[in-house]
PDB file of N, CA and C in Angstrom:
ATOM      1  N   MET A   1     -23.493   7.071 -19.806  1.00  0.00           N
ATOM      2  CA  MET A   1     -23.604   7.664 -18.487  1.00  0.00           C
ATOM      3  C   MET A   1     -23.395   6.592 -17.439  1.00  0.00           C
ATOM      4  N   PHE A   2     -22.883   6.962 -16.322  1.00  0.00           N
ATOM      5  CA  PHE A   2     -22.605   6.065 -15.205  1.00  0.00           C
ATOM      6  C   PHE A   2     -23.901   5.520 -14.627  1.00  0.00           C
ATOM      7  N   ASP A   3     -23.961   4.219 -14.452  1.00  0.00           N
ATOM      8  CA  ASP A   3     -25.125   3.576 -13.846  1.00  0.00           C
ATOM      9  C   ASP A   3     -24.782   3.221 -12.411  1.00  0.00           C
ATOM     10  N   PRO A   4     -25.304   3.979 -11.407  1.00  0.00           N
ATOM     11  CA  PRO A   4     -24.935   3.739 -10.022  1.00  0.00           C
ATOM     12  C   PRO A   4     -25.397   2.392  -9.490  1.00  0.00           C
ATOM     13  N   THR A   5     -26.297   1.716 -10.182  1.00  0.00           N
ATOM     14  CA  THR A   5     -26.768   0.417  -9.698  1.00  0.00           C
ATOM     15  C   THR A   5     -25.990  -0.736 -10.313  1.00  0.00           C
ATOM     16  N   GLU A   6     -25.130  -0.456 -11.287  1.00  0.00           N
ATOM     17  CA  GLU A   6     -24.389  -1.497 -11.968  1.00  0.00           C
ATOM     18  C   GLU A   6     -23.449  -2.195 -10.997  1.00  0.00           C
ATOM     19  N   GLY A   7     -23.587  -3.508 -10.867  1.00  0.00           N
ATOM     20  CA  GLY A   7     -22.700  -4.304 -10.023  1.00  0.00           C
ATOM     21  C   GLY A   7     -22.984  -4.221  -8.542  1.00  0.00           C
ATOM     22  N   GLU A   8     -24.085  -3.591  -8.143  1.00  0.00           N
ATOM     23  CA  GLU A   8     -24.307  -3.423  -6.714  1.00  0.00           C
ATOM     24  C   GLU A   8     -24.604  -4.736  -5.989  1.00  0.00           C
ATOM     25  N   ASN A   9     -25.008  -5.778  -6.704  1.00  0.00           N
ATOM     26  CA  ASN A   9     -25.281  -7.065  -6.071  1.00  0.00           C
ATOM     27  C   ASN A   9     -24.110  -8.028  -6.158  1.00  0.00           C
ATOM     28  N   GLU A  10     -22.978  -7.545  -6.644  1.00  0.00           N
ATOM     29  CA  GLU A  10     -21.814  -8.389  -6.845  1.00  0.00           C
ATOM     30  C   GLU A  10     -21.412  -9.146  -5.582  1.00  0.00           C
ATOM     31  N   TYR A  11     -21.365  -8.469  -4.453  1.00  0.00           N
ATOM     32  CA  TYR A  11     -20.929  -9.104  -3.219  1.00  0.00           C
ATOM     33  C   TYR A  11     -22.011  -9.960  -2.571  1.00  0.00           C
ATOM     34  N   LEU A  12     -23.235  -9.810  -2.984  1.00  0.00           N
ATOM     35  CA  LEU A  12     -24.301 -10.627  -2.425  1.00  0.00           C
ATOM     36  C   LEU A  12     -24.119 -12.098  -2.776  1.00  0.00           C
ATOM     37  N   LEU A  13     -23.385 -12.371  -3.837  1.00  0.00           N
ATOM     38  CA  LEU A  13     -23.167 -13.735  -4.278  1.00  0.00           C
ATOM     39  C   LEU A  13     -21.934 -14.366  -3.636  1.00  0.00           C
ATOM     40  N   ALA A  14     -21.220 -13.606  -2.839  1.00  0.00           N
ATOM     41  CA  ALA A  14     -20.004 -14.113  -2.205  1.00  0.00           C
ATOM     42  C   ALA A  14     -20.337 -15.183  -1.175  1.00  0.00           C
ATOM     43  N   ASP A  15     -19.407 -16.136  -0.992  1.00  0.00           N
ATOM     44  CA  ASP A  15     -19.591 -17.200  -0.014  1.00  0.00           C
ATOM     45  C   ASP A  15     -19.367 -16.722   1.408  1.00  0.00           C
ATOM     46  N   ASN A  16     -18.607 -15.695   1.588  1.00  0.00           N
ATOM     47  CA  ASN A  16     -18.251 -15.223   2.911  1.00  0.00           C
ATOM     48  C   ASN A  16     -19.376 -14.363   3.489  1.00  0.00           C
ATOM     49  N   ASN A  17     -19.877 -14.739   4.665  1.00  0.00           N
ATOM     50  CA  ASN A  17     -20.978 -14.002   5.299  1.00  0.00           C
ATOM     51  C   ASN A  17     -20.596 -12.565   5.625  1.00  0.00           C
ATOM     52  N   THR A  18     -19.321 -12.326   5.919  1.00  0.00           N
ATOM     53  CA  THR A  18     -18.864 -10.973   6.211  1.00  0.00           C
ATOM     54  C   THR A  18     -19.085 -10.070   5.004  1.00  0.00           C
ATOM     55  N   HIS A  19     -18.743 -10.569   3.825  1.00  0.00           N
ATOM     56  CA  HIS A  19     -18.958  -9.783   2.606  1.00  0.00           C
ATOM     57  C   HIS A  19     -20.441  -9.558   2.362  1.00  0.00           C
ATOM     58  N   GLU A  20     -21.250 -10.568   2.619  1.00  0.00           N
ATOM     59  CA  GLU A  20     -22.693 -10.432   2.411  1.00  0.00           C
ATOM     60  C   GLU A  20     -23.265  -9.377   3.349  1.00  0.00           C
ATOM     61  N   THR A  21     -22.866  -9.435   4.617  1.00  0.00           N
ATOM     62  CA  THR A  21     -23.365  -8.467   5.590  1.00  0.00           C
ATOM     63  C   THR A  21     -22.910  -7.069   5.223  1.00  0.00           C
ATOM     64  N   PHE A  22     -21.629  -6.933   4.887  1.00  0.00           N
ATOM     65  CA  PHE A  22     -21.102  -5.628   4.484  1.00  0.00           C
ATOM     66  C   PHE A  22     -21.864  -5.102   3.287  1.00  0.00           C
ATOM     67  N   SER A  23     -22.116  -5.957   2.318  1.00  0.00           N
ATOM     68  CA  SER A  23     -22.804  -5.539   1.113  1.00  0.00           C
ATOM     69  C   SER A  23     -24.235  -5.103   1.407  1.00  0.00           C
ATOM     70  N   LEU A  24     -24.924  -5.869   2.242  1.00  0.00           N
ATOM     71  CA  LEU A  24     -26.296  -5.511   2.587  1.00  0.00           C
ATOM     72  C   LEU A  24     -26.335  -4.162   3.306  1.00  0.00           C
ATOM     73  N   GLU A  25     -25.402  -3.964   4.230  1.00  0.00           N
ATOM     74  CA  GLU A  25     -25.346  -2.693   4.952  1.00  0.00           C
ATOM     75  C   GLU A  25     -24.997  -1.549   4.004  1.00  0.00           C
ATOM     76  N   THR A  26     -24.017  -1.780   3.146  1.00  0.00           N
ATOM     77  CA  THR A  26     -23.612  -0.756   2.193  1.00  0.00           C
ATOM     78  C   THR A  26     -24.750  -0.416   1.239  1.00  0.00           C
ATOM     79  N   ASN A  27     -25.389  -1.432   0.713  1.00  0.00           N
ATOM     80  CA  ASN A  27     -26.520  -1.192  -0.197  1.00  0.00           C
ATOM     81  C   ASN A  27     -27.639  -0.438   0.508  1.00  0.00           C
ATOM     82  N   TYR A  28     -27.898  -0.791   1.769  1.00  0.00           N
ATOM     83  CA  TYR A  28     -28.927  -0.082   2.527  1.00  0.00           C
ATOM     84  C   TYR A  28     -28.551   1.389   2.677  1.00  0.00           C
ATOM     85  N   LEU A  29     -27.301   1.647   3.086  1.00  0.00           N
ATOM     86  CA  LEU A  29     -26.875   3.032   3.284  1.00  0.00           C
ATOM     87  C   LEU A  29     -26.895   3.815   1.978  1.00  0.00           C
ATOM     88  N   LEU A  30     -26.523   3.187   0.888  1.00  0.00           N
ATOM     89  CA  LEU A  30     -26.601   3.866  -0.407  1.00  0.00           C
ATOM     90  C   LEU A  30     -28.053   4.134  -0.798  1.00  0.00           C
ATOM     91  N   SER A  31     -28.954   3.265  -0.378  1.00  0.00           N
ATOM     92  CA  SER A  31     -30.371   3.419  -0.759  1.00  0.00           C
ATOM     93  C   SER A  31     -31.034   4.636  -0.122  1.00  0.00           C
ATOM     94  N   ILE A  32     -30.459   5.153   0.959  1.00  0.00           N
ATOM     95  CA  ILE A  32     -31.068   6.324   1.609  1.00  0.00           C
ATOM     96  C   ILE A  32     -30.659   7.630   0.923  1.00  0.00           C
ATOM     97  N   LEU A  33     -29.710   7.544   0.002  1.00  0.00           N
ATOM     98  CA  LEU A  33     -29.236   8.731  -0.705  1.00  0.00           C
ATOM     99  C   LEU A  33     -30.123   9.049  -1.893  1.00  0.00           C
ATOM    100  N   ASP A  34     -30.184  10.332  -2.242  1.00  0.00           N
ATOM    101  CA  ASP A  34     -30.894  10.661  -3.476  1.00  0.00           C
ATOM    102  C   ASP A  34     -29.975  10.337  -4.654  1.00  0.00           C
ATOM    103  N   VAL A  35     -30.477  10.421  -5.846  1.00  0.00           N
ATOM    104  CA  VAL A  35     -29.757   9.993  -7.044  1.00  0.00           C
ATOM    105  C   VAL A  35     -28.428  10.732  -7.204  1.00  0.00           C
ATOM    106  N   ASP A  36     -28.432  12.050  -7.037  1.00  0.00           N
ATOM    107  CA  ASP A  36     -27.200  12.830  -7.209  1.00  0.00           C
ATOM    108  C   ASP A  36     -26.163  12.462  -6.157  1.00  0.00           C
ATOM    109  N   GLU A  37     -26.596  12.315  -4.912  1.00  0.00           N
ATOM    110  CA  GLU A  37     -25.671  11.941  -3.835  1.00  0.00           C
ATOM    111  C   GLU A  37     -25.049  10.574  -4.104  1.00  0.00           C
ATOM    112  N   LYS A  38     -25.881   9.619  -4.480  1.00  0.00           N
ATOM    113  CA  LYS A  38     -25.393   8.266  -4.736  1.00  0.00           C
ATOM    114  C   LYS A  38     -24.399   8.258  -5.892  1.00  0.00           C
ATOM    115  N   GLU A  39     -24.707   8.978  -6.937  1.00  0.00           N
ATOM    116  CA  GLU A  39     -23.830   9.005  -8.099  1.00  0.00           C
ATOM    117  C   GLU A  39     -22.458   9.577  -7.733  1.00  0.00           C
ATOM    118  N   VAL A  40     -22.438  10.670  -6.973  1.00  0.00           N
ATOM    119  CA  VAL A  40     -21.175  11.283  -6.575  1.00  0.00           C
ATOM    120  C   VAL A  40     -20.382  10.338  -5.670  1.00  0.00           C
ATOM    121  N   VAL A  41     -21.037   9.722  -4.699  1.00  0.00           N
ATOM    122  CA  VAL A  41     -20.348   8.802  -3.784  1.00  0.00           C
ATOM    123  C   VAL A  41     -19.758   7.622  -4.545  1.00  0.00           C
ATOM    124  N   LEU A  42     -20.517   7.029  -5.440  1.00  0.00           N
ATOM    125  CA  LEU A  42     -20.013   5.874  -6.177  1.00  0.00           C
ATOM    126  C   LEU A  42     -18.876   6.253  -7.123  1.00  0.00           C
ATOM    127  N   LEU A  43     -18.976   7.402  -7.758  1.00  0.00           N
ATOM    128  CA  LEU A  43     -17.887   7.841  -8.628  1.00  0.00           C
ATOM    129  C   LEU A  43     -16.614   8.095  -7.824  1.00  0.00           C
ATOM    130  N   LYS A  44     -16.775   8.655  -6.641  1.00  0.00           N
ATOM    131  CA  LYS A  44     -15.624   8.968  -5.799  1.00  0.00           C
ATOM    132  C   LYS A  44     -15.007   7.704  -5.207  1.00  0.00           C
ATOM    133  N   ILE A  45     -15.816   6.855  -4.617  1.00  0.00           N
ATOM    134  CA  ILE A  45     -15.303   5.707  -3.876  1.00  0.00           C
ATOM    135  C   ILE A  45     -15.040   4.501  -4.782  1.00  0.00           C
ATOM    136  N   VAL A  46     -16.001   4.138  -5.588  1.00  0.00           N
ATOM    137  CA  VAL A  46     -15.850   2.938  -6.422  1.00  0.00           C
ATOM    138  C   VAL A  46     -14.963   3.213  -7.632  1.00  0.00           C
ATOM    139  N   SER A  47     -15.224   4.314  -8.313  1.00  0.00           N
ATOM    140  CA  SER A  47     -14.451   4.632  -9.517  1.00  0.00           C
ATOM    141  C   SER A  47     -13.162   5.385  -9.205  1.00  0.00           C
ATOM    142  N   ASP A  48     -12.983   5.776  -7.941  1.00  0.00           N
ATOM    143  CA  ASP A  48     -11.769   6.453  -7.487  1.00  0.00           C
ATOM    144  C   ASP A  48     -11.473   7.714  -8.296  1.00  0.00           C
ATOM    145  N   MET A  49     -12.534   8.448  -8.629  1.00  0.00           N
ATOM    146  CA  MET A  49     -12.366   9.692  -9.375  1.00  0.00           C
ATOM    147  C   MET A  49     -12.115  10.843  -8.411  1.00  0.00           C
ATOM    148  N   LYS A  50     -11.386  11.835  -8.875  1.00  0.00           N
ATOM    149  CA  LYS A  50     -11.165  13.047  -8.101  1.00  0.00           C
ATOM    150  C   LYS A  50     -12.405  13.932  -8.250  1.00  0.00           C
ATOM    151  N   PHE A  51     -12.594  14.828  -7.266  1.00  0.00           N
ATOM    152  CA  PHE A  51     -13.771  15.693  -7.310  1.00  0.00           C
ATOM    153  C   PHE A  51     -13.829  16.508  -8.607  1.00  0.00           C
ATOM    154  N   ARG A  52     -12.703  16.962  -9.099  1.00  0.00           N
ATOM    155  CA  ARG A  52     -12.676  17.732 -10.351  1.00  0.00           C
ATOM    156  C   ARG A  52     -13.154  16.864 -11.519  1.00  0.00           C
ATOM    157  N   GLU A  53     -12.733  15.604 -11.546  1.00  0.00           N
ATOM    158  CA  GLU A  53     -13.163  14.683 -12.605  1.00  0.00           C
ATOM    159  C   GLU A  53     -14.670  14.430 -12.526  1.00  0.00           C
ATOM    160  N   ILE A  54     -15.160  14.273 -11.310  1.00  0.00           N
ATOM    161  CA  ILE A  54     -16.602  14.058 -11.130  1.00  0.00           C
ATOM    162  C   ILE A  54     -17.363  15.296 -11.592  1.00  0.00           C
ATOM    163  N   SER A  55     -16.855  16.459 -11.223  1.00  0.00           N
ATOM    164  CA  SER A  55     -17.462  17.726 -11.631  1.00  0.00           C
ATOM    165  C   SER A  55     -17.553  17.818 -13.150  1.00  0.00           C
ATOM    166  N   ASP A  56     -16.475  17.503 -13.821  1.00  0.00           N
ATOM    167  CA  ASP A  56     -16.456  17.550 -15.286  1.00  0.00           C
ATOM    168  C   ASP A  56     -17.399  16.502 -15.875  1.00  0.00           C
ATOM    169  N   HIS A  57     -17.359  15.290 -15.313  1.00  0.00           N
ATOM    170  CA  HIS A  57     -18.187  14.178 -15.811  1.00  0.00           C
ATOM    171  C   HIS A  57     -19.684  14.484 -15.679  1.00  0.00           C
ATOM    172  N   LEU A  58     -20.068  15.035 -14.529  1.00  0.00           N
ATOM    173  CA  LEU A  58     -21.491  15.312 -14.280  1.00  0.00           C
ATOM    174  C   LEU A  58     -21.918  16.693 -14.751  1.00  0.00           C
ATOM    175  N   GLN A  59     -20.949  17.487 -15.186  1.00  0.00           N
ATOM    176  CA  GLN A  59     -21.205  18.862 -15.608  1.00  0.00           C
ATOM    177  C   GLN A  59     -21.912  19.644 -14.507  1.00  0.00           C
ATOM    178  N   LYS A  60     -21.343  19.502 -13.305  1.00  0.00           N
ATOM    179  CA  LYS A  60     -21.824  20.243 -12.142  1.00  0.00           C
ATOM    180  C   LYS A  60     -20.646  21.023 -11.571  1.00  0.00           C
ATOM    181  N   PRO A  61     -20.916  22.158 -10.931  1.00  0.00           N
ATOM    182  CA  PRO A  61     -19.823  22.920 -10.321  1.00  0.00           C
ATOM    183  C   PRO A  61     -19.078  22.082  -9.277  1.00  0.00           C
ATOM    184  N   LEU A  62     -17.782  22.316  -9.161  1.00  0.00           N
ATOM    185  CA  LEU A  62     -16.948  21.580  -8.212  1.00  0.00           C
ATOM    186  C   LEU A  62     -17.498  21.698  -6.789  1.00  0.00           C
ATOM    187  N   GLY A  63     -17.886  22.887  -6.391  1.00  0.00           N
ATOM    188  CA  GLY A  63     -18.438  23.101  -5.049  1.00  0.00           C
ATOM    189  C   GLY A  63     -19.684  22.276  -4.801  1.00  0.00           C
ATOM    190  N   THR A  64     -20.505  22.121  -5.802  1.00  0.00           N
ATOM    191  CA  THR A  64     -21.724  21.322  -5.683  1.00  0.00           C
ATOM    192  C   THR A  64     -21.380  19.855  -5.493  1.00  0.00           C
ATOM    193  N   VAL A  65     -20.410  19.369  -6.235  1.00  0.00           N
ATOM    194  CA  VAL A  65     -19.997  17.971  -6.127  1.00  0.00           C
ATOM    195  C   VAL A  65     -19.457  17.681  -4.730  1.00  0.00           C
ATOM    196  N   ILE A  66     -18.599  18.558  -4.234  1.00  0.00           N
ATOM    197  CA  ILE A  66     -18.032  18.369  -2.896  1.00  0.00           C
ATOM    198  C   ILE A  66     -19.134  18.442  -1.843  1.00  0.00           C
ATOM    199  N   TRP A  67     -20.043  19.380  -1.986  1.00  0.00           N
ATOM    200  CA  TRP A  67     -21.157  19.515  -1.054  1.00  0.00           C
ATOM    201  C   TRP A  67     -22.028  18.256  -1.064  1.00  0.00           C
ATOM    202  N   LEU A  68     -22.352  17.733  -2.249  1.00  0.00           N
ATOM    203  CA  LEU A  68     -23.157  16.514  -2.349  1.00  0.00           C
ATOM    204  C   LEU A  68     -22.450  15.335  -1.685  1.00  0.00           C
ATOM    205  N   TYR A  69     -21.155  15.215  -1.907  1.00  0.00           N
ATOM    206  CA  TYR A  69     -20.383  14.123  -1.317  1.00  0.00           C
ATOM    207  C   TYR A  69     -20.399  14.208   0.213  1.00  0.00           C
ATOM    208  N   ASN A  70     -20.090  15.384   0.733  1.00  0.00           N
ATOM    209  CA  ASN A  70     -20.064  15.553   2.189  1.00  0.00           C
ATOM    210  C   ASN A  70     -21.436  15.337   2.811  1.00  0.00           C
ATOM    211  N   LYS A  71     -22.465  15.825   2.165  1.00  0.00           N
ATOM    212  CA  LYS A  71     -23.834  15.645   2.644  1.00  0.00           C
ATOM    213  C   LYS A  71     -24.193  14.155   2.667  1.00  0.00           C
ATOM    214  N   ALA A  72     -23.825  13.444   1.618  1.00  0.00           N
ATOM    215  CA  ALA A  72     -24.131  12.019   1.516  1.00  0.00           C
ATOM    216  C   ALA A  72     -23.390  11.210   2.579  1.00  0.00           C
ATOM    217  N   ILE A  73     -22.112  11.496   2.767  1.00  0.00           N
ATOM    218  CA  ILE A  73     -21.318  10.773   3.762  1.00  0.00           C
ATOM    219  C   ILE A  73     -21.889  11.017   5.156  1.00  0.00           C
ATOM    220  N   LYS A  74     -22.227  12.244   5.455  1.00  0.00           N
ATOM    221  CA  LYS A  74     -22.809  12.572   6.765  1.00  0.00           C
ATOM    222  C   LYS A  74     -24.140  11.841   6.959  1.00  0.00           C
ATOM    223  N   LYS A  75     -24.951  11.823   5.925  1.00  0.00           N
ATOM    224  CA  LYS A  75     -26.241  11.146   5.986  1.00  0.00           C
ATOM    225  C   LYS A  75     -26.059   9.647   6.258  1.00  0.00           C
ATOM    226  N   MET A  76     -25.108   9.027   5.565  1.00  0.00           N
ATOM    227  CA  MET A  76     -24.853   7.601   5.762  1.00  0.00           C
ATOM    228  C   MET A  76     -24.280   7.325   7.150  1.00  0.00           C
ATOM    229  N   GLN A  77     -23.382   8.192   7.633  1.00  0.00           N
ATOM    230  CA  GLN A  77     -22.816   8.014   8.972  1.00  0.00           C
ATOM    231  C   GLN A  77     -23.892   8.097  10.045  1.00  0.00           C
ATOM    232  N   GLU A  78     -24.773   9.080   9.923  1.00  0.00           N
ATOM    233  CA  GLU A  78     -25.851   9.243  10.903  1.00  0.00           C
ATOM    234  C   GLU A  78     -26.798   8.045  10.887  1.00  0.00           C
ATOM    235  N   GLU A  79     -27.120   7.552   9.698  1.00  0.00           N
ATOM    236  CA  GLU A  79     -28.001   6.398   9.576  1.00  0.00           C
ATOM    237  C   GLU A  79     -27.340   5.144  10.153  1.00  0.00           C
ATOM    238  N   ALA A  80     -26.066   4.959   9.854  1.00  0.00           N
ATOM    239  CA  ALA A  80     -25.339   3.796  10.365  1.00  0.00           C
ATOM    240  C   ALA A  80     -25.280   3.833  11.891  1.00  0.00           C
ATOM    241  N   LYS A  81     -25.052   4.991  12.447  1.00  0.00           N
ATOM    242  CA  LYS A  81     -25.001   5.135  13.903  1.00  0.00           C
ATOM    243  C   LYS A  81     -26.368   4.840  14.511  1.00  0.00           C
ATOM    244  N   GLU A  82     -27.410   5.389  13.899  1.00  0.00           N
ATOM    245  CA  GLU A  82     -28.771   5.201  14.401  1.00  0.00           C
ATOM    246  C   GLU A  82     -29.192   3.729  14.342  1.00  0.00           C
ATOM    247  N   LYS A  83     -28.794   3.033  13.277  1.00  0.00           N
ATOM    248  CA  LYS A  83     -29.176   1.637  13.094  1.00  0.00           C
ATOM    249  C   LYS A  83     -28.179   0.657  13.728  1.00  0.00           C
ATOM    250  N   GLY A  84     -27.075   1.188  14.253  1.00  0.00           N
ATOM    251  CA  GLY A  84     -26.067   0.338  14.868  1.00  0.00           C
ATOM    252  C   GLY A  84     -25.297  -0.512  13.874  1.00  0.00           C
ATOM    253  N   LEU A  85     -25.073   0.026  12.695  1.00  0.00           N
ATOM    254  CA  LEU A  85     -24.338  -0.718  11.659  1.00  0.00           C
ATOM    255  C   LEU A  85     -22.848  -0.507  11.787  1.00  0.00           C
TER     256      LEU A  85
END
């Protein structure tokens, strides 16, 4: 099964402060998501899977996967705006 936390600290070890800041912000925004939202977002963005593939992989209806993704993205956008990220 996909481990959404696998490799999440990879960029924290980078020498470039921009990557470190981006990683900290990204990790923070991912941390506000529930487990299902985070898993869908990471499969979509990091693993570059299509919604149908994610649906099959998670054994969830396609509509549910798309809804979780959109809900998660909106949640992260609102948090980023509120925190000025």
